[in-house]
N, C-alpha and C. Protein backbone atom coordinates (compact mmCIF):
# COMPACT_ATOMS: atom_id res chain seq x y z
N MET A 1 112.72 -164.71 128.33
CA MET A 1 113.49 -164.62 127.11
C MET A 1 113.05 -163.40 126.29
N ASN A 2 111.74 -163.14 126.29
CA ASN A 2 111.24 -161.97 125.56
C ASN A 2 111.84 -160.68 126.11
N TYR A 3 112.01 -160.64 127.44
CA TYR A 3 112.59 -159.44 128.04
C TYR A 3 114.05 -159.27 127.62
N ILE A 4 114.76 -160.37 127.50
CA ILE A 4 116.17 -160.30 127.09
C ILE A 4 116.28 -159.75 125.68
N TRP A 5 115.46 -160.31 124.75
CA TRP A 5 115.51 -159.83 123.36
C TRP A 5 115.07 -158.36 123.27
N ALA A 6 114.02 -158.02 124.01
CA ALA A 6 113.57 -156.63 124.00
C ALA A 6 114.66 -155.71 124.53
N GLY A 7 115.35 -156.15 125.59
CA GLY A 7 116.45 -155.37 126.15
C GLY A 7 117.59 -155.18 125.16
N ILE A 8 117.94 -156.25 124.43
CA ILE A 8 119.01 -156.16 123.43
C ILE A 8 118.63 -155.16 122.34
N ILE A 9 117.39 -155.22 121.88
CA ILE A 9 116.95 -154.30 120.83
C ILE A 9 116.95 -152.86 121.34
N MET A 10 116.48 -152.66 122.58
CA MET A 10 116.43 -151.29 123.12
C MET A 10 117.84 -150.73 123.32
N VAL A 11 118.77 -151.56 123.81
CA VAL A 11 120.15 -151.08 123.98
C VAL A 11 120.76 -150.74 122.62
N SER A 12 120.52 -151.59 121.63
CA SER A 12 121.06 -151.33 120.28
C SER A 12 120.47 -150.05 119.70
N PHE A 13 119.16 -149.89 119.87
CA PHE A 13 118.49 -148.69 119.34
C PHE A 13 119.01 -147.43 120.04
N THR A 14 119.13 -147.51 121.36
CA THR A 14 119.62 -146.36 122.13
C THR A 14 121.05 -146.00 121.73
N TYR A 15 121.90 -147.00 121.58
CA TYR A 15 123.27 -146.76 121.17
C TYR A 15 123.32 -146.13 119.78
N SER A 16 122.47 -146.65 118.88
CA SER A 16 122.44 -146.10 117.51
C SER A 16 122.01 -144.64 117.52
N CYS A 17 121.03 -144.31 118.35
CA CYS A 17 120.55 -142.93 118.43
C CYS A 17 121.63 -142.00 118.99
N THR A 18 122.31 -142.44 120.03
CA THR A 18 123.32 -141.57 120.65
C THR A 18 124.58 -141.46 119.79
N ALA A 19 124.89 -142.51 119.02
CA ALA A 19 126.09 -142.49 118.18
C ALA A 19 125.80 -141.89 116.81
N GLY A 20 124.55 -141.58 116.54
CA GLY A 20 124.20 -141.00 115.25
C GLY A 20 124.18 -142.02 114.12
N ASN A 21 123.99 -143.28 114.43
CA ASN A 21 123.99 -144.34 113.42
C ASN A 21 122.61 -144.98 113.27
N LEU A 22 121.58 -144.19 113.39
CA LEU A 22 120.22 -144.75 113.31
C LEU A 22 119.95 -145.37 111.95
N GLU A 23 120.48 -144.77 110.89
CA GLU A 23 120.29 -145.33 109.54
C GLU A 23 120.96 -146.71 109.44
N ASN A 24 122.16 -146.84 109.99
CA ASN A 24 122.85 -148.14 109.98
C ASN A 24 122.09 -149.19 110.79
N PHE A 25 121.48 -148.75 111.90
CA PHE A 25 120.68 -149.67 112.72
C PHE A 25 119.52 -150.23 111.90
N GLY A 26 118.84 -149.37 111.20
CA GLY A 26 117.71 -149.81 110.37
C GLY A 26 118.14 -150.75 109.26
N GLN A 27 119.24 -150.44 108.60
CA GLN A 27 119.75 -151.31 107.53
C GLN A 27 120.18 -152.67 108.09
N ALA A 28 120.85 -152.65 109.22
CA ALA A 28 121.29 -153.91 109.83
C ALA A 28 120.11 -154.75 110.27
N LEU A 29 119.08 -154.10 110.79
CA LEU A 29 117.88 -154.82 111.22
C LEU A 29 117.19 -155.49 110.04
N MET A 30 117.06 -154.78 108.93
CA MET A 30 116.40 -155.34 107.75
C MET A 30 117.22 -156.45 107.11
N SER A 31 118.53 -156.25 106.98
CA SER A 31 119.35 -157.27 106.33
C SER A 31 119.45 -158.54 107.18
N SER A 32 119.54 -158.37 108.51
CA SER A 32 119.61 -159.56 109.36
C SER A 32 118.29 -160.31 109.36
N SER A 33 117.16 -159.61 109.23
CA SER A 33 115.86 -160.27 109.13
C SER A 33 115.78 -161.10 107.86
N GLN A 34 116.25 -160.55 106.76
CA GLN A 34 116.24 -161.29 105.50
C GLN A 34 117.18 -162.50 105.56
N ASN A 35 118.36 -162.32 106.17
CA ASN A 35 119.29 -163.44 106.32
C ASN A 35 118.70 -164.54 107.19
N ALA A 36 117.97 -164.16 108.24
CA ALA A 36 117.37 -165.16 109.13
C ALA A 36 116.35 -166.01 108.39
N VAL A 37 115.54 -165.38 107.55
CA VAL A 37 114.52 -166.13 106.79
C VAL A 37 115.17 -167.12 105.84
N SER A 38 116.18 -166.69 105.09
CA SER A 38 116.84 -167.60 104.15
C SER A 38 117.58 -168.71 104.89
N PHE A 39 118.14 -168.39 106.05
CA PHE A 39 118.83 -169.40 106.85
C PHE A 39 117.85 -170.47 107.35
N ILE A 40 116.69 -170.05 107.80
CA ILE A 40 115.67 -170.99 108.29
C ILE A 40 115.16 -171.86 107.16
N ILE A 41 114.99 -171.29 105.98
CA ILE A 41 114.54 -172.09 104.84
C ILE A 41 115.57 -173.16 104.50
N ASN A 42 116.85 -172.81 104.54
CA ASN A 42 117.91 -173.80 104.30
C ASN A 42 117.88 -174.91 105.35
N LEU A 43 117.72 -174.53 106.62
CA LEU A 43 117.67 -175.53 107.68
C LEU A 43 116.43 -176.41 107.55
N ALA A 44 115.31 -175.81 107.16
CA ALA A 44 114.07 -176.60 106.98
C ALA A 44 114.28 -177.65 105.90
N GLY A 45 115.00 -177.30 104.85
CA GLY A 45 115.26 -178.26 103.79
C GLY A 45 116.07 -179.44 104.27
N ILE A 46 117.12 -179.18 105.03
CA ILE A 46 117.96 -180.29 105.50
C ILE A 46 117.24 -181.13 106.54
N MET A 47 116.41 -180.50 107.40
CA MET A 47 115.65 -181.26 108.38
C MET A 47 114.58 -182.11 107.69
N ALA A 48 113.97 -181.58 106.64
CA ALA A 48 112.98 -182.36 105.89
C ALA A 48 113.65 -183.57 105.24
N MET A 49 114.86 -183.35 104.71
CA MET A 49 115.57 -184.46 104.09
C MET A 49 115.86 -185.56 105.11
N TRP A 50 116.38 -185.19 106.29
CA TRP A 50 116.70 -186.20 107.30
C TRP A 50 115.45 -186.89 107.83
N SER A 51 114.38 -186.13 108.02
CA SER A 51 113.13 -186.74 108.49
C SER A 51 112.62 -187.73 107.45
N GLY A 52 112.72 -187.37 106.18
CA GLY A 52 112.31 -188.28 105.11
C GLY A 52 113.16 -189.53 105.05
N LEU A 53 114.48 -189.36 105.21
CA LEU A 53 115.37 -190.52 105.22
C LEU A 53 115.06 -191.45 106.40
N MET A 54 114.75 -190.87 107.56
CA MET A 54 114.40 -191.69 108.72
C MET A 54 113.10 -192.45 108.46
N GLU A 55 112.15 -191.82 107.79
CA GLU A 55 110.88 -192.49 107.47
C GLU A 55 111.12 -193.64 106.49
N ILE A 56 111.95 -193.39 105.50
CA ILE A 56 112.28 -194.46 104.53
C ILE A 56 113.00 -195.60 105.23
N ALA A 57 113.95 -195.25 106.09
CA ALA A 57 114.70 -196.28 106.82
C ALA A 57 113.77 -197.10 107.71
N GLU A 58 112.77 -196.45 108.30
CA GLU A 58 111.83 -197.17 109.15
C GLU A 58 110.95 -198.11 108.33
N ARG A 59 110.44 -197.62 107.21
CA ARG A 59 109.53 -198.43 106.38
C ARG A 59 110.23 -199.58 105.67
N THR A 60 111.50 -199.42 105.35
CA THR A 60 112.23 -200.49 104.65
C THR A 60 112.83 -201.52 105.61
N GLY A 61 112.74 -201.26 106.91
CA GLY A 61 113.27 -202.22 107.87
C GLY A 61 114.72 -201.98 108.25
N LEU A 62 115.35 -200.96 107.66
CA LEU A 62 116.74 -200.67 107.98
C LEU A 62 116.90 -200.31 109.46
N ILE A 63 115.95 -199.55 109.98
CA ILE A 63 116.01 -199.16 111.39
C ILE A 63 115.92 -200.40 112.28
N ASN A 64 115.06 -201.35 111.90
CA ASN A 64 114.94 -202.58 112.71
C ASN A 64 116.25 -203.35 112.72
N ARG A 65 116.93 -203.39 111.58
CA ARG A 65 118.21 -204.09 111.54
C ARG A 65 119.26 -203.35 112.35
N LEU A 66 119.27 -202.03 112.23
CA LEU A 66 120.23 -201.24 113.01
C LEU A 66 119.90 -201.28 114.50
N SER A 67 118.61 -201.35 114.81
CA SER A 67 118.22 -201.36 116.22
C SER A 67 118.66 -202.63 116.93
N SER A 68 118.84 -203.71 116.17
CA SER A 68 119.33 -204.94 116.80
C SER A 68 120.73 -204.74 117.37
N ILE A 69 121.48 -203.81 116.78
CA ILE A 69 122.81 -203.47 117.32
C ILE A 69 122.67 -202.76 118.67
N LEU A 70 121.65 -201.91 118.78
CA LEU A 70 121.45 -201.16 120.02
C LEU A 70 120.68 -201.94 121.08
N MET A 71 120.08 -203.09 120.73
CA MET A 71 119.26 -203.82 121.68
C MET A 71 120.01 -204.22 122.95
N PRO A 72 121.24 -204.76 122.88
CA PRO A 72 121.94 -205.08 124.14
C PRO A 72 122.16 -203.85 125.03
N PHE A 73 122.51 -202.73 124.41
CA PHE A 73 122.69 -201.48 125.15
C PHE A 73 121.38 -201.06 125.81
N THR A 74 120.27 -201.19 125.07
CA THR A 74 118.96 -200.80 125.59
C THR A 74 118.53 -201.71 126.73
N LYS A 75 118.77 -203.00 126.59
CA LYS A 75 118.39 -203.94 127.66
C LYS A 75 119.25 -203.73 128.91
N LEU A 76 120.49 -203.28 128.71
CA LEU A 76 121.35 -202.95 129.84
C LEU A 76 120.81 -201.74 130.60
N LEU A 77 120.34 -200.75 129.86
CA LEU A 77 119.78 -199.54 130.48
C LEU A 77 118.43 -199.79 131.12
N PHE A 78 117.62 -200.62 130.48
CA PHE A 78 116.26 -200.87 130.94
C PHE A 78 116.07 -202.37 131.19
N PRO A 79 116.71 -202.92 132.23
CA PRO A 79 116.69 -204.37 132.42
C PRO A 79 115.29 -204.93 132.71
N GLY A 80 114.42 -204.13 133.30
CA GLY A 80 113.07 -204.62 133.62
C GLY A 80 112.08 -204.45 132.49
N GLN A 81 112.49 -203.83 131.41
CA GLN A 81 111.56 -203.53 130.30
C GLN A 81 111.37 -204.77 129.43
N LYS A 82 110.13 -205.24 129.35
CA LYS A 82 109.83 -206.44 128.57
C LYS A 82 108.98 -206.16 127.35
N ASP A 83 108.33 -204.98 127.30
CA ASP A 83 107.42 -204.66 126.19
C ASP A 83 108.23 -204.36 124.93
N PRO A 84 108.06 -205.20 123.87
CA PRO A 84 108.85 -204.97 122.66
C PRO A 84 108.53 -203.65 121.97
N GLU A 85 107.28 -203.18 122.06
CA GLU A 85 106.92 -201.90 121.44
C GLU A 85 107.65 -200.74 122.11
N THR A 86 107.71 -200.79 123.44
CA THR A 86 108.41 -199.74 124.18
C THR A 86 109.89 -199.75 123.85
N LEU A 87 110.48 -200.94 123.84
CA LEU A 87 111.90 -201.05 123.48
C LEU A 87 112.16 -200.54 122.07
N SER A 88 111.25 -200.83 121.17
CA SER A 88 111.38 -200.36 119.80
C SER A 88 111.33 -198.83 119.73
N CYS A 89 110.41 -198.23 120.47
CA CYS A 89 110.31 -196.76 120.49
C CYS A 89 111.56 -196.13 121.10
N ILE A 90 112.08 -196.76 122.15
CA ILE A 90 113.31 -196.26 122.77
C ILE A 90 114.45 -196.28 121.75
N ILE A 91 114.58 -197.39 121.05
CA ILE A 91 115.66 -197.53 120.06
C ILE A 91 115.47 -196.55 118.91
N MET A 92 114.23 -196.38 118.45
CA MET A 92 113.97 -195.43 117.36
C MET A 92 114.36 -194.01 117.77
N SER A 93 114.06 -193.66 119.01
CA SER A 93 114.42 -192.33 119.49
C SER A 93 115.93 -192.17 119.53
N PHE A 94 116.62 -193.20 120.05
CA PHE A 94 118.08 -193.15 120.10
C PHE A 94 118.67 -193.07 118.69
N MET A 95 118.13 -193.87 117.77
CA MET A 95 118.64 -193.87 116.39
C MET A 95 118.45 -192.51 115.73
N SER A 96 117.30 -191.90 115.96
CA SER A 96 117.05 -190.57 115.38
C SER A 96 118.06 -189.56 115.90
N ASN A 97 118.36 -189.63 117.19
CA ASN A 97 119.35 -188.73 117.76
C ASN A 97 120.73 -189.00 117.19
N ILE A 98 121.09 -190.27 117.05
CA ILE A 98 122.41 -190.63 116.56
C ILE A 98 122.64 -190.07 115.15
N PHE A 99 121.59 -190.13 114.32
CA PHE A 99 121.74 -189.67 112.94
C PHE A 99 121.40 -188.20 112.77
N GLY A 100 121.19 -187.50 113.86
CA GLY A 100 121.01 -186.05 113.79
C GLY A 100 119.65 -185.58 113.35
N ALA A 101 118.64 -186.47 113.38
CA ALA A 101 117.29 -186.08 112.99
C ALA A 101 116.49 -185.80 114.26
N GLY A 102 116.82 -184.71 114.93
CA GLY A 102 116.22 -184.38 116.22
C GLY A 102 114.71 -184.27 116.20
N ASN A 103 114.13 -183.75 115.11
CA ASN A 103 112.68 -183.62 115.04
C ASN A 103 112.02 -184.99 115.04
N SER A 104 112.59 -185.94 114.34
CA SER A 104 112.05 -187.30 114.35
C SER A 104 112.18 -187.92 115.73
N SER A 105 113.26 -187.61 116.41
CA SER A 105 113.49 -188.15 117.75
C SER A 105 112.40 -187.70 118.71
N THR A 106 111.94 -186.48 118.56
CA THR A 106 110.90 -185.96 119.45
C THR A 106 109.64 -186.81 119.37
N VAL A 107 109.25 -187.18 118.17
CA VAL A 107 108.05 -188.01 117.99
C VAL A 107 108.22 -189.34 118.71
N PHE A 108 109.36 -189.99 118.50
CA PHE A 108 109.60 -191.29 119.14
C PHE A 108 109.73 -191.14 120.65
N ALA A 109 110.34 -190.05 121.11
CA ALA A 109 110.51 -189.83 122.55
C ALA A 109 109.15 -189.65 123.22
N LEU A 110 108.26 -188.90 122.59
CA LEU A 110 106.92 -188.72 123.16
C LEU A 110 106.15 -190.03 123.20
N ARG A 111 106.27 -190.82 122.14
CA ARG A 111 105.62 -192.12 122.09
C ARG A 111 106.16 -193.03 123.19
N THR A 112 107.48 -193.00 123.38
CA THR A 112 108.10 -193.82 124.43
C THR A 112 107.62 -193.40 125.80
N MET A 113 107.58 -192.09 126.06
CA MET A 113 107.13 -191.62 127.36
C MET A 113 105.67 -191.99 127.63
N GLU A 114 104.83 -191.95 126.59
CA GLU A 114 103.44 -192.38 126.76
C GLU A 114 103.38 -193.84 127.19
N LYS A 115 104.16 -194.69 126.54
CA LYS A 115 104.17 -196.11 126.88
C LYS A 115 104.72 -196.34 128.28
N LEU A 116 105.80 -195.64 128.63
CA LEU A 116 106.37 -195.78 129.97
C LEU A 116 105.41 -195.26 131.03
N ASP A 117 104.67 -194.20 130.71
CA ASP A 117 103.68 -193.66 131.65
C ASP A 117 102.54 -194.65 131.86
N GLN A 118 102.11 -195.33 130.80
CA GLN A 118 101.08 -196.36 130.95
C GLN A 118 101.58 -197.49 131.85
N GLN A 119 102.82 -197.90 131.65
CA GLN A 119 103.38 -198.96 132.50
C GLN A 119 103.53 -198.50 133.95
N ASN A 120 103.70 -197.19 134.14
CA ASN A 120 103.83 -196.62 135.48
C ASN A 120 102.46 -196.31 136.08
N HIS A 121 101.39 -196.69 135.39
CA HIS A 121 100.00 -196.49 135.83
C HIS A 121 99.68 -195.01 136.06
N HIS A 122 100.25 -194.15 135.23
CA HIS A 122 100.02 -192.70 135.26
C HIS A 122 100.29 -192.10 136.64
N ASN A 123 101.25 -192.68 137.32
CA ASN A 123 101.68 -192.20 138.62
C ASN A 123 102.30 -190.82 138.46
N PRO A 124 102.01 -189.87 139.36
CA PRO A 124 102.63 -188.55 139.23
C PRO A 124 104.14 -188.56 139.44
N VAL A 125 104.67 -189.63 140.04
CA VAL A 125 106.11 -189.77 140.23
C VAL A 125 106.67 -190.62 139.09
N ALA A 126 107.66 -190.10 138.41
CA ALA A 126 108.24 -190.81 137.26
C ALA A 126 108.95 -192.08 137.71
N SER A 127 108.85 -193.11 136.89
CA SER A 127 109.54 -194.38 137.17
C SER A 127 111.03 -194.24 136.83
N ASN A 128 111.81 -195.22 137.27
CA ASN A 128 113.24 -195.22 136.95
C ASN A 128 113.44 -195.27 135.44
N ASP A 129 112.63 -196.08 134.73
CA ASP A 129 112.77 -196.17 133.28
C ASP A 129 112.48 -194.83 132.61
N MET A 130 111.48 -194.10 133.12
CA MET A 130 111.15 -192.80 132.55
C MET A 130 112.30 -191.81 132.74
N CYS A 131 112.85 -191.80 133.95
CA CYS A 131 113.97 -190.88 134.24
C CYS A 131 115.19 -191.24 133.41
N THR A 132 115.50 -192.54 133.36
CA THR A 132 116.67 -192.98 132.59
C THR A 132 116.51 -192.63 131.12
N PHE A 133 115.32 -192.89 130.58
CA PHE A 133 115.10 -192.57 129.16
C PHE A 133 115.26 -191.08 128.90
N ALA A 134 114.66 -190.24 129.75
CA ALA A 134 114.75 -188.79 129.54
C ALA A 134 116.20 -188.31 129.58
N VAL A 135 116.94 -188.78 130.58
CA VAL A 135 118.33 -188.32 130.74
C VAL A 135 119.21 -188.81 129.59
N VAL A 136 119.11 -190.10 129.28
CA VAL A 136 119.97 -190.65 128.22
C VAL A 136 119.58 -190.09 126.86
N ASN A 137 118.30 -189.93 126.61
CA ASN A 137 117.85 -189.39 125.32
C ASN A 137 118.36 -187.96 125.12
N MET A 138 118.38 -187.19 126.19
CA MET A 138 118.88 -185.81 126.08
C MET A 138 120.40 -185.77 125.98
N ALA A 139 121.07 -186.81 126.48
CA ALA A 139 122.53 -186.83 126.45
C ALA A 139 123.08 -187.25 125.09
N PHE A 140 122.24 -187.91 124.28
CA PHE A 140 122.71 -188.35 122.97
C PHE A 140 123.05 -187.15 122.10
N ALA A 141 124.27 -187.11 121.62
CA ALA A 141 124.67 -186.11 120.63
C ALA A 141 124.75 -186.83 119.29
N PRO A 142 124.37 -186.18 118.22
CA PRO A 142 124.40 -186.87 116.93
C PRO A 142 125.81 -187.21 116.47
N LEU A 143 125.95 -188.39 115.88
CA LEU A 143 127.25 -188.76 115.30
C LEU A 143 127.55 -187.87 114.09
N ILE A 144 126.51 -187.49 113.38
CA ILE A 144 126.66 -186.58 112.25
C ILE A 144 125.84 -185.34 112.60
N PRO A 145 126.48 -184.30 113.17
CA PRO A 145 125.73 -183.11 113.58
C PRO A 145 125.32 -182.28 112.36
N VAL A 146 124.23 -182.71 111.74
CA VAL A 146 123.79 -182.15 110.46
C VAL A 146 123.55 -180.65 110.54
N VAL A 147 122.85 -180.21 111.57
CA VAL A 147 122.52 -178.79 111.68
C VAL A 147 123.79 -177.96 111.86
N THR A 148 124.70 -178.45 112.69
CA THR A 148 125.96 -177.73 112.91
C THR A 148 126.77 -177.64 111.62
N VAL A 149 126.85 -178.74 110.89
CA VAL A 149 127.56 -178.75 109.61
C VAL A 149 126.91 -177.76 108.65
N GLN A 150 125.58 -177.77 108.60
CA GLN A 150 124.85 -176.85 107.71
C GLN A 150 125.15 -175.40 108.07
N ILE A 151 125.10 -175.09 109.35
CA ILE A 151 125.38 -173.71 109.78
C ILE A 151 126.80 -173.31 109.42
N ARG A 152 127.75 -174.21 109.66
CA ARG A 152 129.15 -173.90 109.34
C ARG A 152 129.35 -173.72 107.84
N GLU A 153 128.67 -174.53 107.02
CA GLU A 153 128.77 -174.36 105.56
C GLU A 153 128.19 -173.02 105.13
N GLU A 154 127.03 -172.67 105.72
CA GLU A 154 126.38 -171.40 105.37
C GLU A 154 127.25 -170.20 105.71
N LEU A 155 128.01 -170.33 106.79
CA LEU A 155 128.85 -169.21 107.22
C LEU A 155 130.24 -169.24 106.60
N GLY A 156 130.49 -170.18 105.68
CA GLY A 156 131.73 -170.20 104.92
C GLY A 156 132.91 -170.86 105.63
N SER A 157 132.65 -171.81 106.49
CA SER A 157 133.73 -172.51 107.18
C SER A 157 134.59 -173.28 106.18
N GLU A 158 135.90 -173.29 106.40
CA GLU A 158 136.79 -174.02 105.51
C GLU A 158 136.65 -175.53 105.70
N ASP A 159 136.32 -175.96 106.92
CA ASP A 159 136.16 -177.39 107.20
C ASP A 159 134.92 -177.58 108.08
N PRO A 160 133.73 -177.55 107.49
CA PRO A 160 132.52 -177.65 108.30
C PRO A 160 132.34 -179.01 108.97
N TYR A 161 133.03 -180.03 108.49
CA TYR A 161 132.88 -181.37 109.06
C TYR A 161 133.85 -181.63 110.22
N SER A 162 134.62 -180.64 110.61
CA SER A 162 135.59 -180.82 111.68
C SER A 162 134.92 -181.01 113.04
N THR A 163 133.62 -180.80 113.12
CA THR A 163 132.92 -180.96 114.39
C THR A 163 132.47 -182.40 114.64
N ILE A 164 132.64 -183.28 113.66
CA ILE A 164 132.12 -184.64 113.81
C ILE A 164 132.87 -185.40 114.90
N LEU A 165 134.20 -185.40 114.89
CA LEU A 165 134.96 -186.12 115.91
C LEU A 165 134.68 -185.56 117.31
N PRO A 166 134.72 -184.23 117.51
CA PRO A 166 134.36 -183.72 118.85
C PRO A 166 132.93 -184.10 119.26
N ALA A 167 132.01 -184.14 118.30
CA ALA A 167 130.63 -184.54 118.63
C ALA A 167 130.58 -185.97 119.13
N ILE A 168 131.34 -186.86 118.51
CA ILE A 168 131.38 -188.25 118.95
C ILE A 168 131.97 -188.35 120.35
N LEU A 169 133.06 -187.62 120.59
CA LEU A 169 133.68 -187.65 121.92
C LEU A 169 132.75 -187.09 122.99
N VAL A 170 132.07 -186.00 122.68
CA VAL A 170 131.12 -185.42 123.62
C VAL A 170 129.98 -186.39 123.89
N CYS A 171 129.50 -187.06 122.85
CA CYS A 171 128.42 -188.03 123.01
C CYS A 171 128.84 -189.15 123.96
N ILE A 172 130.03 -189.67 123.78
CA ILE A 172 130.52 -190.75 124.63
C ILE A 172 130.62 -190.28 126.09
N CYS A 173 131.17 -189.10 126.29
CA CYS A 173 131.33 -188.58 127.66
C CYS A 173 129.98 -188.30 128.32
N THR A 174 129.08 -187.63 127.61
CA THR A 174 127.79 -187.31 128.22
C THR A 174 126.97 -188.56 128.48
N LEU A 175 127.06 -189.54 127.58
CA LEU A 175 126.34 -190.79 127.82
C LEU A 175 126.88 -191.51 129.04
N ALA A 176 128.20 -191.57 129.17
CA ALA A 176 128.81 -192.26 130.32
C ALA A 176 128.39 -191.59 131.63
N VAL A 177 128.46 -190.27 131.68
CA VAL A 177 128.09 -189.55 132.90
C VAL A 177 126.60 -189.71 133.18
N SER A 178 125.78 -189.61 132.16
CA SER A 178 124.33 -189.72 132.33
C SER A 178 123.92 -191.10 132.83
N ILE A 179 124.48 -192.12 132.21
CA ILE A 179 124.16 -193.49 132.62
C ILE A 179 124.63 -193.75 134.05
N ALA A 180 125.83 -193.31 134.37
CA ALA A 180 126.36 -193.49 135.73
C ALA A 180 125.47 -192.79 136.76
N ALA A 181 125.04 -191.57 136.45
CA ALA A 181 124.16 -190.83 137.37
C ALA A 181 122.82 -191.54 137.54
N CYS A 182 122.24 -192.02 136.43
CA CYS A 182 120.95 -192.72 136.51
C CYS A 182 121.07 -193.98 137.35
N LYS A 183 122.09 -194.77 137.09
CA LYS A 183 122.26 -196.03 137.83
C LYS A 183 122.55 -195.77 139.30
N TYR A 184 123.29 -194.70 139.60
CA TYR A 184 123.56 -194.34 140.99
C TYR A 184 122.27 -194.01 141.72
N PHE A 185 121.44 -193.14 141.12
CA PHE A 185 120.21 -192.74 141.78
C PHE A 185 119.17 -193.85 141.82
N GLU A 186 119.22 -194.79 140.88
CA GLU A 186 118.32 -195.94 140.93
C GLU A 186 118.64 -196.82 142.13
N ARG A 187 119.92 -196.93 142.47
CA ARG A 187 120.34 -197.80 143.58
C ARG A 187 120.15 -197.16 144.95
N ARG A 188 120.06 -195.83 144.97
CA ARG A 188 119.87 -195.15 146.26
C ARG A 188 118.52 -195.49 146.83
N LYS A 189 118.49 -195.73 148.10
CA LYS A 189 117.22 -196.05 148.77
C LYS A 189 116.64 -194.77 149.34
N PRO A 190 115.33 -194.57 149.19
CA PRO A 190 114.73 -193.36 149.77
C PRO A 190 114.78 -193.42 151.30
N HIS A 191 114.99 -192.25 151.90
CA HIS A 191 115.08 -192.18 153.37
C HIS A 191 113.72 -191.91 153.97
């Protein structure tokens, strides 16, 4: 990736030199750097807000109540899973993804994988539950794509919330395909 970025900068610099626009190149480089910093600060604020809301929801028990809705879905995906702590971590990770708090989801996903790895006796080959969790967790698209909405608002979109319905449809499709693939490979017998 570093080579790609270095290549883009070198091509831009070379073009600016040959076209006689070196001053414009320097101005564009400085202004885009300043825009990037302010953009990241705005995103950090919205991510901090969502992470805080997820923490409040967890401490007040709201997540536990909402997770009871996801429990049948989770038990369907992980029929052999009996550990309530592991199921809770799985649900917390899914809930974080659903509400668009991806950073919070990472914490729960790592905790879930640690628990699943312990149940797998630290085997170098991942268990079916580990594979299913990784695939389904990555397939979850947020119902409220907070970062996308924020980016669209920052760039002056007339309707920044127009991505919510497509995000829900994409989430449903990717989840269906992911679950079908996981269940297919779970049933396959090794040769």
